[in-house]
Amino acid sequence: MYAQWSSNARTLPSNVMNEINQTIATDKNIEKASAARSSLPISFQYPPTLILVGTKDPIVDPKQSIQLHQVLDSKSIPNTLELIQDAKHPVPANVWKTKSDSFLENTLNIKIK
């Protein structure tokens, strides 16, 4: 299980989104999974991204987060991958706050009071 992608600016048709969700969730068919991944819009316009995941997350496989980090790196998109040792889903609030504040300050130059 994982969070479904959507955007106010662009939403995939429900039948396409359902197929992507089913394919990625089950990963039964490698060709379909590759096609689904290639349809997701990661380009130079993608915003700087903080990827925060626990190593024992039962909802978001940490391997998916590592793959996302690698794709973003390959496209020179600013990103930070934070694997939180032994954390589940969601990452504890105090860890999330510390990591997100650091990301905002170091990556986006936004000072947090």
PDB file of N, CA and C in Angstrom:
ATOM      1  N   MET A   1       0.848  -1.177   0.000  1.00  0.00           N
ATOM      2  CA  MET A   1       0.000   0.000   0.000  1.00  0.00           C
ATOM      3  C   MET A   1       0.886   1.230   0.000  1.00  0.00           C
ATOM      4  N   TYR A   2       0.465   2.275  -0.695  1.00  0.00           N
ATOM      5  CA  TYR A   2       1.207   3.529  -0.784  1.00  0.00           C
ATOM      6  C   TYR A   2       0.228   4.651  -1.087  1.00  0.00           C
ATOM      7  N   ALA A   3       0.673   5.868  -0.920  1.00  0.00           N
ATOM      8  CA  ALA A   3      -0.183   7.012  -1.210  1.00  0.00           C
ATOM      9  C   ALA A   3      -0.362   7.154  -2.712  1.00  0.00           C
ATOM     10  N   GLN A   4      -1.575   7.410  -3.140  1.00  0.00           N
ATOM     11  CA  GLN A   4      -1.837   7.592  -4.562  1.00  0.00           C
ATOM     12  C   GLN A   4      -1.411   8.989  -4.988  1.00  0.00           C
ATOM     13  N   TRP A   5      -0.854   9.083  -6.198  1.00  0.00           N
ATOM     14  CA  TRP A   5      -0.390  10.355  -6.740  1.00  0.00           C
ATOM     15  C   TRP A   5      -1.544  11.109  -7.352  1.00  0.00           C
ATOM     16  N   SER A   6      -1.584  12.393  -7.071  1.00  0.00           N
ATOM     17  CA  SER A   6      -2.516  13.267  -7.775  1.00  0.00           C
ATOM     18  C   SER A   6      -2.009  14.695  -7.651  1.00  0.00           C
ATOM     19  N   SER A   7      -2.522  15.563  -8.481  1.00  0.00           N
ATOM     20  CA  SER A   7      -2.113  16.961  -8.481  1.00  0.00           C
ATOM     21  C   SER A   7      -3.304  17.799  -8.905  1.00  0.00           C
ATOM     22  N   ASN A   8      -3.416  18.991  -8.350  1.00  0.00           N
ATOM     23  CA  ASN A   8      -4.501  19.880  -8.773  1.00  0.00           C
ATOM     24  C   ASN A   8      -4.327  20.274 -10.228  1.00  0.00           C
ATOM     25  N   ALA A   9      -3.072  20.389 -10.655  1.00  0.00           N
ATOM     26  CA  ALA A   9      -2.799  20.823 -12.019  1.00  0.00           C
ATOM     27  C   ALA A   9      -2.998  19.707 -13.030  1.00  0.00           C
ATOM     28  N   ARG A  10      -2.796  18.463 -12.592  1.00  0.00           N
ATOM     29  CA  ARG A  10      -2.858  17.353 -13.543  1.00  0.00           C
ATOM     30  C   ARG A  10      -3.304  16.094 -12.811  1.00  0.00           C
ATOM     31  N   THR A  11      -4.376  15.519 -13.242  1.00  0.00           N
ATOM     32  CA  THR A  11      -4.861  14.281 -12.643  1.00  0.00           C
ATOM     33  C   THR A  11      -5.053  13.259 -13.754  1.00  0.00           C
ATOM     34  N   LEU A  12      -4.529  12.086 -13.529  1.00  0.00           N
ATOM     35  CA  LEU A  12      -4.687  11.026 -14.513  1.00  0.00           C
ATOM     36  C   LEU A  12      -6.115  10.499 -14.478  1.00  0.00           C
ATOM     37  N   PRO A  13      -6.641  10.036 -15.608  1.00  0.00           N
ATOM     38  CA  PRO A  13      -7.980   9.425 -15.611  1.00  0.00           C
ATOM     39  C   PRO A  13      -8.036   8.265 -14.620  1.00  0.00           C
ATOM     40  N   SER A  14      -9.184   8.074 -13.997  1.00  0.00           N
ATOM     41  CA  SER A  14      -9.296   7.070 -12.936  1.00  0.00           C
ATOM     42  C   SER A  14      -8.949   5.667 -13.416  1.00  0.00           C
ATOM     43  N   ASN A  15      -9.316   5.309 -14.652  1.00  0.00           N
ATOM     44  CA  ASN A  15      -8.987   3.958 -15.121  1.00  0.00           C
ATOM     45  C   ASN A  15      -7.476   3.786 -15.273  1.00  0.00           C
ATOM     46  N   VAL A  16      -6.773   4.833 -15.701  1.00  0.00           N
ATOM     47  CA  VAL A  16      -5.310   4.768 -15.820  1.00  0.00           C
ATOM     48  C   VAL A  16      -4.690   4.708 -14.429  1.00  0.00           C
ATOM     49  N   MET A  17      -5.174   5.556 -13.525  1.00  0.00           N
ATOM     50  CA  MET A  17      -4.650   5.570 -12.166  1.00  0.00           C
ATOM     51  C   MET A  17      -4.883   4.230 -11.479  1.00  0.00           C
ATOM     52  N   ASN A  18      -6.060   3.633 -11.666  1.00  0.00           N
ATOM     53  CA  ASN A  18      -6.340   2.324 -11.067  1.00  0.00           C
ATOM     54  C   ASN A  18      -5.371   1.269 -11.579  1.00  0.00           C
ATOM     55  N   GLU A  19      -5.100   1.285 -12.883  1.00  0.00           N
ATOM     56  CA  GLU A  19      -4.156   0.320 -13.462  1.00  0.00           C
ATOM     57  C   GLU A  19      -2.754   0.529 -12.900  1.00  0.00           C
ATOM     58  N   ILE A  20      -2.331   1.785 -12.805  1.00  0.00           N
ATOM     59  CA  ILE A  20      -1.010   2.079 -12.233  1.00  0.00           C
ATOM     60  C   ILE A  20      -0.955   1.605 -10.790  1.00  0.00           C
ATOM     61  N   ASN A  21      -1.979   1.933 -10.005  1.00  0.00           N
ATOM     62  CA  ASN A  21      -2.001   1.529  -8.597  1.00  0.00           C
ATOM     63  C   ASN A  21      -1.932   0.016  -8.458  1.00  0.00           C
ATOM     64  N   GLN A  22      -2.728  -0.698  -9.239  1.00  0.00           N
ATOM     65  CA  GLN A  22      -2.745  -2.158  -9.163  1.00  0.00           C
ATOM     66  C   GLN A  22      -1.407  -2.741  -9.605  1.00  0.00           C
ATOM     67  N   THR A  23      -0.859  -2.220 -10.696  1.00  0.00           N
ATOM     68  CA  THR A  23       0.396  -2.753 -11.233  1.00  0.00           C
ATOM     69  C   THR A  23       1.544  -2.530 -10.274  1.00  0.00           C
ATOM     70  N   ILE A  24       1.659  -1.310  -9.764  1.00  0.00           N
ATOM     71  CA  ILE A  24       2.767  -1.019  -8.860  1.00  0.00           C
ATOM     72  C   ILE A  24       2.575  -1.748  -7.541  1.00  0.00           C
ATOM     73  N   ALA A  25       1.336  -1.806  -7.048  1.00  0.00           N
ATOM     74  CA  ALA A  25       1.077  -2.449  -5.761  1.00  0.00           C
ATOM     75  C   ALA A  25       1.396  -3.939  -5.801  1.00  0.00           C
ATOM     76  N   THR A  26       1.061  -4.604  -6.899  1.00  0.00           N
ATOM     77  CA  THR A  26       1.297  -6.042  -6.965  1.00  0.00           C
ATOM     78  C   THR A  26       2.617  -6.375  -7.636  1.00  0.00           C
ATOM     79  N   ASP A  27       3.060  -5.512  -8.559  1.00  0.00           N
ATOM     80  CA  ASP A  27       4.303  -5.701  -9.305  1.00  0.00           C
ATOM     81  C   ASP A  27       4.370  -7.095  -9.930  1.00  0.00           C
ATOM     82  N   LYS A  28       3.190  -7.632 -10.369  1.00  0.00           N
ATOM     83  CA  LYS A  28       3.138  -8.959 -10.996  1.00  0.00           C
ATOM     84  C   LYS A  28       3.751  -8.940 -12.380  1.00  0.00           C
ATOM     85  N   ASN A  29       3.594  -7.860 -13.066  1.00  0.00           N
ATOM     86  CA  ASN A  29       4.013  -7.802 -14.458  1.00  0.00           C
ATOM     87  C   ASN A  29       5.043  -6.695 -14.635  1.00  0.00           C
ATOM     88  N   ILE A  30       6.295  -7.073 -14.856  1.00  0.00           N
ATOM     89  CA  ILE A  30       7.394  -6.114 -14.949  1.00  0.00           C
ATOM     90  C   ILE A  30       7.169  -5.110 -16.074  1.00  0.00           C
ATOM     91  N   GLU A  31       6.687  -5.555 -17.232  1.00  0.00           N
ATOM     92  CA  GLU A  31       6.465  -4.635 -18.351  1.00  0.00           C
ATOM     93  C   GLU A  31       5.417  -3.586 -18.007  1.00  0.00           C
ATOM     94  N   LYS A  32       4.325  -4.008 -17.376  1.00  0.00           N
ATOM     95  CA  LYS A  32       3.291  -3.053 -16.990  1.00  0.00           C
ATOM     96  C   LYS A  32       3.826  -2.087 -15.937  1.00  0.00           C
ATOM     97  N   ALA A  33       4.594  -2.600 -14.985  1.00  0.00           N
ATOM     98  CA  ALA A  33       5.160  -1.743 -13.945  1.00  0.00           C
ATOM     99  C   ALA A  33       6.085  -0.702 -14.559  1.00  0.00           C
ATOM    100  N   SER A  34       6.896  -1.100 -15.531  1.00  0.00           N
ATOM    101  CA  SER A  34       7.790  -0.151 -16.205  1.00  0.00           C
ATOM    102  C   SER A  34       6.995   0.912 -16.947  1.00  0.00           C
ATOM    103  N   ALA A  35       5.937   0.505 -17.624  1.00  0.00           N
ATOM    104  CA  ALA A  35       5.096   1.458 -18.347  1.00  0.00           C
ATOM    105  C   ALA A  35       4.430   2.430 -17.372  1.00  0.00           C
ATOM    106  N   ALA A  36       3.973   1.916 -16.258  1.00  0.00           N
ATOM    107  CA  ALA A  36       3.328   2.773 -15.264  1.00  0.00           C
ATOM    108  C   ALA A  36       4.319   3.787 -14.712  1.00  0.00           C
ATOM    109  N   ARG A  37       5.509   3.321 -14.368  1.00  0.00           N
ATOM    110  CA  ARG A  37       6.518   4.232 -13.836  1.00  0.00           C
ATOM    111  C   ARG A  37       6.890   5.304 -14.850  1.00  0.00           C
ATOM    112  N   SER A  38       6.997   4.924 -16.118  1.00  0.00           N
ATOM    113  CA  SER A  38       7.405   5.894 -17.131  1.00  0.00           C
ATOM    114  C   SER A  38       6.326   6.935 -17.396  1.00  0.00           C
ATOM    115  N   SER A  39       5.087   6.668 -17.001  1.00  0.00           N
ATOM    116  CA  SER A  39       4.013   7.636 -17.223  1.00  0.00           C
ATOM    117  C   SER A  39       3.955   8.700 -16.129  1.00  0.00           C
ATOM    118  N   LEU A  40       4.670   8.496 -15.042  1.00  0.00           N
ATOM    119  CA  LEU A  40       4.651   9.472 -13.962  1.00  0.00           C
ATOM    120  C   LEU A  40       5.567  10.640 -14.306  1.00  0.00           C
ATOM    121  N   PRO A  41       5.117  11.854 -14.068  1.00  0.00           N
ATOM    122  CA  PRO A  41       5.808  13.037 -14.568  1.00  0.00           C
ATOM    123  C   PRO A  41       6.990  13.502 -13.716  1.00  0.00           C
ATOM    124  N   ILE A  42       8.141  12.883 -13.869  1.00  0.00           N
ATOM    125  CA  ILE A  42       9.355  13.363 -13.216  1.00  0.00           C
ATOM    126  C   ILE A  42      10.209  13.993 -14.304  1.00  0.00           C
ATOM    127  N   SER A  43      10.376  15.307 -14.205  1.00  0.00           N
ATOM    128  CA  SER A  43      11.142  16.037 -15.207  1.00  0.00           C
ATOM    129  C   SER A  43      11.909  17.152 -14.508  1.00  0.00           C
ATOM    130  N   PHE A  44      12.585  17.977 -15.290  1.00  0.00           N
ATOM    131  CA  PHE A  44      13.352  19.080 -14.734  1.00  0.00           C
ATOM    132  C   PHE A  44      12.460  20.055 -13.961  1.00  0.00           C
ATOM    133  N   GLN A  45      11.154  20.004 -14.180  1.00  0.00           N
ATOM    134  CA  GLN A  45      10.222  20.894 -13.485  1.00  0.00           C
ATOM    135  C   GLN A  45       9.809  20.356 -12.114  1.00  0.00           C
ATOM    136  N   TYR A  46      10.224  19.150 -11.789  1.00  0.00           N
ATOM    137  CA  TYR A  46       9.865  18.528 -10.513  1.00  0.00           C
ATOM    138  C   TYR A  46      10.460  19.361  -9.376  1.00  0.00           C
ATOM    139  N   PRO A  47       9.722  19.590  -8.308  1.00  0.00           N
ATOM    140  CA  PRO A  47      10.232  20.446  -7.229  1.00  0.00           C
ATOM    141  C   PRO A  47      11.291  19.738  -6.383  1.00  0.00           C
ATOM    142  N   PRO A  48      12.121  20.505  -5.669  1.00  0.00           N
ATOM    143  CA  PRO A  48      13.036  19.887  -4.703  1.00  0.00           C
ATOM    144  C   PRO A  48      12.220  18.995  -3.764  1.00  0.00           C
ATOM    145  N   THR A  49      12.768  17.841  -3.441  1.00  0.00           N
ATOM    146  CA  THR A  49      11.986  16.808  -2.765  1.00  0.00           C
ATOM    147  C   THR A  49      12.708  16.249  -1.546  1.00  0.00           C
ATOM    148  N   LEU A  50      11.998  16.166  -0.434  1.00  0.00           N
ATOM    149  CA  LEU A  50      12.483  15.477   0.753  1.00  0.00           C
ATOM    150  C   LEU A  50      11.806  14.117   0.781  1.00  0.00           C
ATOM    151  N   ILE A  51      12.607  13.064   0.784  1.00  0.00           N
ATOM    152  CA  ILE A  51      12.090  11.694   0.850  1.00  0.00           C
ATOM    153  C   ILE A  51      12.412  11.191   2.251  1.00  0.00           C
ATOM    154  N   LEU A  52      11.389  11.003   3.052  1.00  0.00           N
ATOM    155  CA  LEU A  52      11.552  10.641   4.453  1.00  0.00           C
ATOM    156  C   LEU A  52      10.803   9.342   4.693  1.00  0.00           C
ATOM    157  N   VAL A  53      11.537   8.270   4.996  1.00  0.00           N
ATOM    158  CA  VAL A  53      10.900   6.960   5.144  1.00  0.00           C
ATOM    159  C   VAL A  53      11.617   6.153   6.224  1.00  0.00           C
ATOM    160  N   GLY A  54      10.840   5.372   6.954  1.00  0.00           N
ATOM    161  CA  GLY A  54      11.416   4.482   7.954  1.00  0.00           C
ATOM    162  C   GLY A  54      11.887   3.186   7.321  1.00  0.00           C
ATOM    163  N   THR A  55      12.956   2.627   7.858  1.00  0.00           N
ATOM    164  CA  THR A  55      13.486   1.376   7.305  1.00  0.00           C
ATOM    165  C   THR A  55      12.551   0.199   7.557  1.00  0.00           C
ATOM    166  N   LYS A  56      11.601   0.349   8.491  1.00  0.00           N
ATOM    167  CA  LYS A  56      10.635  -0.722   8.769  1.00  0.00           C
ATOM    168  C   LYS A  56       9.214  -0.284   8.428  1.00  0.00           C
ATOM    169  N   ASP A  57       9.090   0.600   7.451  1.00  0.00           N
ATOM    170  CA  ASP A  57       7.786   1.111   7.030  1.00  0.00           C
ATOM    171  C   ASP A  57       6.998   0.003   6.339  1.00  0.00           C
ATOM    172  N   PRO A  58       5.814  -0.377   6.881  1.00  0.00           N
ATOM    173  CA  PRO A  58       5.021  -1.435   6.260  1.00  0.00           C
ATOM    174  C   PRO A  58       4.142  -0.931   5.105  1.00  0.00           C
ATOM    175  N   ILE A  59       4.071   0.390   4.915  1.00  0.00           N
ATOM    176  CA  ILE A  59       3.202   0.957   3.886  1.00  0.00           C
ATOM    177  C   ILE A  59       3.986   1.367   2.652  1.00  0.00           C
ATOM    178  N   VAL A  60       5.080   2.093   2.851  1.00  0.00           N
ATOM    179  CA  VAL A  60       5.934   2.527   1.742  1.00  0.00           C
ATOM    180  C   VAL A  60       7.239   1.741   1.828  1.00  0.00           C
ATOM    181  N   ASP A  61       7.478   0.892   0.853  1.00  0.00           N
ATOM    182  CA  ASP A  61       8.703   0.099   0.830  1.00  0.00           C
ATOM    183  C   ASP A  61       9.897   1.042   0.695  1.00  0.00           C
ATOM    184  N   PRO A  62      10.844   1.011   1.641  1.00  0.00           N
ATOM    185  CA  PRO A  62      12.014   1.884   1.552  1.00  0.00           C
ATOM    186  C   PRO A  62      12.765   1.751   0.223  1.00  0.00           C
ATOM    187  N   LYS A  63      12.684   0.587  -0.416  1.00  0.00           N
ATOM    188  CA  LYS A  63      13.340   0.409  -1.721  1.00  0.00           C
ATOM    189  C   LYS A  63      12.742   1.354  -2.757  1.00  0.00           C
ATOM    190  N   GLN A  64      11.432   1.613  -2.681  1.00  0.00           N
ATOM    191  CA  GLN A  64      10.796   2.561  -3.602  1.00  0.00           C
ATOM    192  C   GLN A  64      11.337   3.968  -3.377  1.00  0.00           C
ATOM    193  N   SER A  65      11.580   4.306  -2.118  1.00  0.00           N
ATOM    194  CA  SER A  65      12.131   5.623  -1.804  1.00  0.00           C
ATOM    195  C   SER A  65      13.546   5.760  -2.345  1.00  0.00           C
ATOM    196  N   ILE A  66      14.324   4.700  -2.242  1.00  0.00           N
ATOM    197  CA  ILE A  66      15.685   4.711  -2.784  1.00  0.00           C
ATOM    198  C   ILE A  66      15.635   4.853  -4.301  1.00  0.00           C
ATOM    199  N   GLN A  67      14.709   4.141  -4.940  1.00  0.00           N
ATOM    200  CA  GLN A  67      14.565   4.255  -6.400  1.00  0.00           C
ATOM    201  C   GLN A  67      14.157   5.669  -6.805  1.00  0.00           C
ATOM    202  N   LEU A  68      13.240   6.271  -6.076  1.00  0.00           N
ATOM    203  CA  LEU A  68      12.830   7.643  -6.367  1.00  0.00           C
ATOM    204  C   LEU A  68      14.027   8.583  -6.238  1.00  0.00           C
ATOM    205  N   HIS A  69      14.790   8.424  -5.178  1.00  0.00           N
ATOM    206  CA  HIS A  69      15.996   9.235  -4.963  1.00  0.00           C
ATOM    207  C   HIS A  69      16.954   9.101  -6.149  1.00  0.00           C
ATOM    208  N   GLN A  70      17.157   7.881  -6.622  1.00  0.00           N
ATOM    209  CA  GLN A  70      18.059   7.646  -7.750  1.00  0.00           C
ATOM    210  C   GLN A  70      17.538   8.290  -9.035  1.00  0.00           C
ATOM    211  N   VAL A  71      16.230   8.199  -9.270  1.00  0.00           N
ATOM    212  CA  VAL A  71      15.646   8.827 -10.464  1.00  0.00           C
ATOM    213  C   VAL A  71      15.795  10.348 -10.383  1.00  0.00           C
ATOM    214  N   LEU A  72      15.497  10.917  -9.230  1.00  0.00           N
ATOM    215  CA  LEU A  72      15.632  12.365  -9.074  1.00  0.00           C
ATOM    216  C   LEU A  72      17.083  12.798  -9.276  1.00  0.00           C
ATOM    217  N   ASP A  73      18.020  12.045  -8.700  1.00  0.00           N
ATOM    218  CA  ASP A  73      19.448  12.340  -8.905  1.00  0.00           C
ATOM    219  C   ASP A  73      19.817  12.279 -10.381  1.00  0.00           C
ATOM    220  N   SER A  74      19.324  11.263 -11.077  1.00  0.00           N
ATOM    221  CA  SER A  74      19.677  11.091 -12.493  1.00  0.00           C
ATOM    222  C   SER A  74      19.162  12.245 -13.352  1.00  0.00           C
ATOM    223  N   LYS A  75      18.144  12.955 -12.859  1.00  0.00           N
ATOM    224  CA  LYS A  75      17.588  14.093 -13.596  1.00  0.00           C
ATOM    225  C   LYS A  75      18.030  15.424 -12.989  1.00  0.00           C
ATOM    226  N   SER A  76      19.025  15.360 -12.086  1.00  0.00           N
ATOM    227  CA  SER A  76      19.581  16.556 -11.420  1.00  0.00           C
ATOM    228  C   SER A  76      18.521  17.369 -10.683  1.00  0.00           C
ATOM    229  N   ILE A  77      17.565  16.668 -10.089  1.00  0.00           N
ATOM    230  CA  ILE A  77      16.521  17.326  -9.302  1.00  0.00           C
ATOM    231  C   ILE A  77      16.966  17.316  -7.841  1.00  0.00           C
ATOM    232  N   PRO A  78      17.046  18.496  -7.205  1.00  0.00           N
ATOM    233  CA  PRO A  78      17.475  18.536  -5.807  1.00  0.00           C
ATOM    234  C   PRO A  78      16.573  17.656  -4.944  1.00  0.00           C
ATOM    235  N   ASN A  79      17.205  16.782  -4.162  1.00  0.00           N
ATOM    236  CA  ASN A  79      16.436  15.909  -3.280  1.00  0.00           C
ATOM    237  C   ASN A  79      17.313  15.430  -2.148  1.00  0.00           C
ATOM    238  N   THR A  80      16.662  15.057  -1.072  1.00  0.00           N
ATOM    239  CA  THR A  80      17.346  14.497   0.085  1.00  0.00           C
ATOM    240  C   THR A  80      16.602  13.234   0.485  1.00  0.00           C
ATOM    241  N   LEU A  81      17.337  12.145   0.620  1.00  0.00           N
ATOM    242  CA  LEU A  81      16.766  10.881   1.087  1.00  0.00           C
ATOM    243  C   LEU A  81      17.156  10.696   2.543  1.00  0.00           C
ATOM    244  N   GLU A  82      16.174  10.538   3.393  1.00  0.00           N
ATOM    245  CA  GLU A  82      16.395  10.279   4.816  1.00  0.00           C
ATOM    246  C   GLU A  82      15.767   8.934   5.155  1.00  0.00           C
ATOM    247  N   LEU A  83      16.605   7.928   5.376  1.00  0.00           N
ATOM    248  CA  LEU A  83      16.138   6.617   5.835  1.00  0.00           C
ATOM    249  C   LEU A  83      16.269   6.600   7.355  1.00  0.00           C
ATOM    250  N   ILE A  84      15.150   6.519   8.038  1.00  0.00           N
ATOM    251  CA  ILE A  84      15.144   6.572   9.493  1.00  0.00           C
ATOM    252  C   ILE A  84      15.176   5.140  10.032  1.00  0.00           C
ATOM    253  N   GLN A  85      16.288   4.807  10.665  1.00  0.00           N
ATOM    254  CA  GLN A  85      16.530   3.448  11.151  1.00  0.00           C
ATOM    255  C   GLN A  85      15.419   2.980  12.088  1.00  0.00           C
ATOM    256  N   ASP A  86      14.859   1.817  11.781  1.00  0.00           N
ATOM    257  CA  ASP A  86      13.846   1.123  12.588  1.00  0.00           C
ATOM    258  C   ASP A  86      12.502   1.854  12.701  1.00  0.00           C
ATOM    259  N   ALA A  87      12.313   2.958  11.986  1.00  0.00           N
ATOM    260  CA  ALA A  87      11.038   3.687  12.051  1.00  0.00           C
ATOM    261  C   ALA A  87      10.001   3.010  11.159  1.00  0.00           C
ATOM    262  N   LYS A  88       8.737   3.103  11.593  1.00  0.00           N
ATOM    263  CA  LYS A  88       7.615   2.582  10.808  1.00  0.00           C
ATOM    264  C   LYS A  88       6.911   3.759  10.145  1.00  0.00           C
ATOM    265  N   HIS A  89       5.627   3.592   9.813  1.00  0.00           N
ATOM    266  CA  HIS A  89       4.851   4.624   9.134  1.00  0.00           C
ATOM    267  C   HIS A  89       3.761   5.119  10.073  1.00  0.00           C
ATOM    268  N   PRO A  90       3.680   6.380  10.318  1.00  0.00           N
ATOM    269  CA  PRO A  90       4.529   7.459   9.825  1.00  0.00           C
ATOM    270  C   PRO A  90       5.793   7.585  10.665  1.00  0.00           C
ATOM    271  N   VAL A  91       6.759   8.314  10.130  1.00  0.00           N
ATOM    272  CA  VAL A  91       7.980   8.616  10.876  1.00  0.00           C
ATOM    273  C   VAL A  91       7.565   9.464  12.082  1.00  0.00           C
ATOM    274  N   PRO A  92       8.188   9.265  13.252  1.00  0.00           N
ATOM    275  CA  PRO A  92       7.815  10.061  14.428  1.00  0.00           C
ATOM    276  C   PRO A  92       7.852  11.572  14.142  1.00  0.00           C
ATOM    277  N   ALA A  93       6.904  12.302  14.715  1.00  0.00           N
ATOM    278  CA  ALA A  93       6.747  13.732  14.432  1.00  0.00           C
ATOM    279  C   ALA A  93       8.004  14.542  14.727  1.00  0.00           C
ATOM    280  N   ASN A  94       8.694  14.235  15.823  1.00  0.00           N
ATOM    281  CA  ASN A  94       9.891  15.009  16.153  1.00  0.00           C
ATOM    282  C   ASN A  94      10.995  14.801  15.116  1.00  0.00           C
ATOM    283  N   VAL A  95      11.107  13.596  14.579  1.00  0.00           N
ATOM    284  CA  VAL A  95      12.093  13.312  13.531  1.00  0.00           C
ATOM    285  C   VAL A  95      11.677  14.019  12.246  1.00  0.00           C
ATOM    286  N   TRP A  96      10.404  13.925  11.903  1.00  0.00           N
ATOM    287  CA  TRP A  96       9.888  14.587  10.701  1.00  0.00           C
ATOM    288  C   TRP A  96      10.160  16.085  10.763  1.00  0.00           C
ATOM    289  N   LYS A  97       9.886  16.708  11.919  1.00  0.00           N
ATOM    290  CA  LYS A  97      10.086  18.154  12.093  1.00  0.00           C
ATOM    291  C   LYS A  97      11.551  18.517  11.921  1.00  0.00           C
ATOM    292  N   THR A  98      12.446  17.794  12.569  1.00  0.00           N
ATOM    293  CA  THR A  98      13.881  18.080  12.479  1.00  0.00           C
ATOM    294  C   THR A  98      14.381  17.934  11.051  1.00  0.00           C
ATOM    295  N   LYS A  99      14.021  16.836  10.396  1.00  0.00           N
ATOM    296  CA  LYS A  99      14.496  16.569   9.029  1.00  0.00           C
ATOM    297  C   LYS A  99      13.902  17.560   8.031  1.00  0.00           C
ATOM    298  N   SER A 100      12.619  17.889   8.179  1.00  0.00           N
ATOM    299  CA  SER A 100      11.999  18.819   7.229  1.00  0.00           C
ATOM    300  C   SER A 100      12.535  20.237   7.426  1.00  0.00           C
ATOM    301  N   ASP A 101      12.755  20.649   8.673  1.00  0.00           N
ATOM    302  CA  ASP A 101      13.352  21.965   8.924  1.00  0.00           C
ATOM    303  C   ASP A 101      14.738  22.054   8.299  1.00  0.00           C
ATOM    304  N   SER A 102      15.524  21.010   8.474  1.00  0.00           N
ATOM    305  CA  SER A 102      16.872  20.975   7.896  1.00  0.00           C
ATOM    306  C   SER A 102      16.818  21.051   6.372  1.00  0.00           C
ATOM    307  N   PHE A 103      15.903  20.305   5.775  1.00  0.00           N
ATOM    308  CA  PHE A 103      15.747  20.319   4.317  1.00  0.00           C
ATOM    309  C   PHE A 103      15.373  21.719   3.825  1.00  0.00           C
ATOM    310  N   LEU A 104      14.412  22.346   4.485  1.00  0.00           N
ATOM    311  CA  LEU A 104      13.985  23.686   4.085  1.00  0.00           C
ATOM    312  C   LEU A 104      15.135  24.686   4.184  1.00  0.00           C
ATOM    313  N   GLU A 105      15.910  24.599   5.265  1.00  0.00           N
ATOM    314  CA  GLU A 105      17.021  25.527   5.460  1.00  0.00           C
ATOM    315  C   GLU A 105      18.172  25.251   4.502  1.00  0.00           C
ATOM    316  N   ASN A 106      18.567  23.989   4.370  1.00  0.00           N
ATOM    317  CA  ASN A 106      19.761  23.645   3.589  1.00  0.00           C
ATOM    318  C   ASN A 106      19.521  23.559   2.089  1.00  0.00           C
ATOM    319  N   THR A 107      18.336  23.148   1.681  1.00  0.00           N
ATOM    320  CA  THR A 107      18.057  22.962   0.255  1.00  0.00           C
ATOM    321  C   THR A 107      17.352  24.169  -0.352  1.00  0.00           C
ATOM    322  N   LEU A 108      16.423  24.737   0.393  1.00  0.00           N
ATOM    323  CA  LEU A 108      15.622  25.832  -0.151  1.00  0.00           C
ATOM    324  C   LEU A 108      15.974  27.195   0.441  1.00  0.00           C
ATOM    325  N   ASN A 109      16.933  27.212   1.381  1.00  0.00           N
ATOM    326  CA  ASN A 109      17.347  28.459   2.042  1.00  0.00           C
ATOM    327  C   ASN A 109      16.189  29.174   2.730  1.00  0.00           C
ATOM    328  N   ILE A 110      15.298  28.388   3.309  1.00  0.00           N
ATOM    329  CA  ILE A 110      14.180  28.935   4.080  1.00  0.00           C
ATOM    330  C   ILE A 110      14.520  28.737   5.550  1.00  0.00           C
ATOM    331  N   LYS A 111      14.659  29.823   6.276  1.00  0.00           N
ATOM    332  CA  LYS A 111      15.021  29.752   7.692  1.00  0.00           C
ATOM    333  C   LYS A 111      13.775  29.492   8.533  1.00  0.00           C
ATOM    334  N   ILE A 112      13.876  28.501   9.403  1.00  0.00           N
ATOM    335  CA  ILE A 112      12.781  28.133  10.292  1.00  0.00           C
ATOM    336  C   ILE A 112      13.074  28.718  11.666  1.00  0.00           C
ATOM    337  N   LYS A 113      12.089  29.407  12.230  1.00  0.00           N
ATOM    338  CA  LYS A 113      12.290  30.017  13.557  1.00  0.00           C
ATOM    339  C   LYS A 113      12.135  29.003  14.643  1.00  0.00           C
TER     340      LYS A 113
END
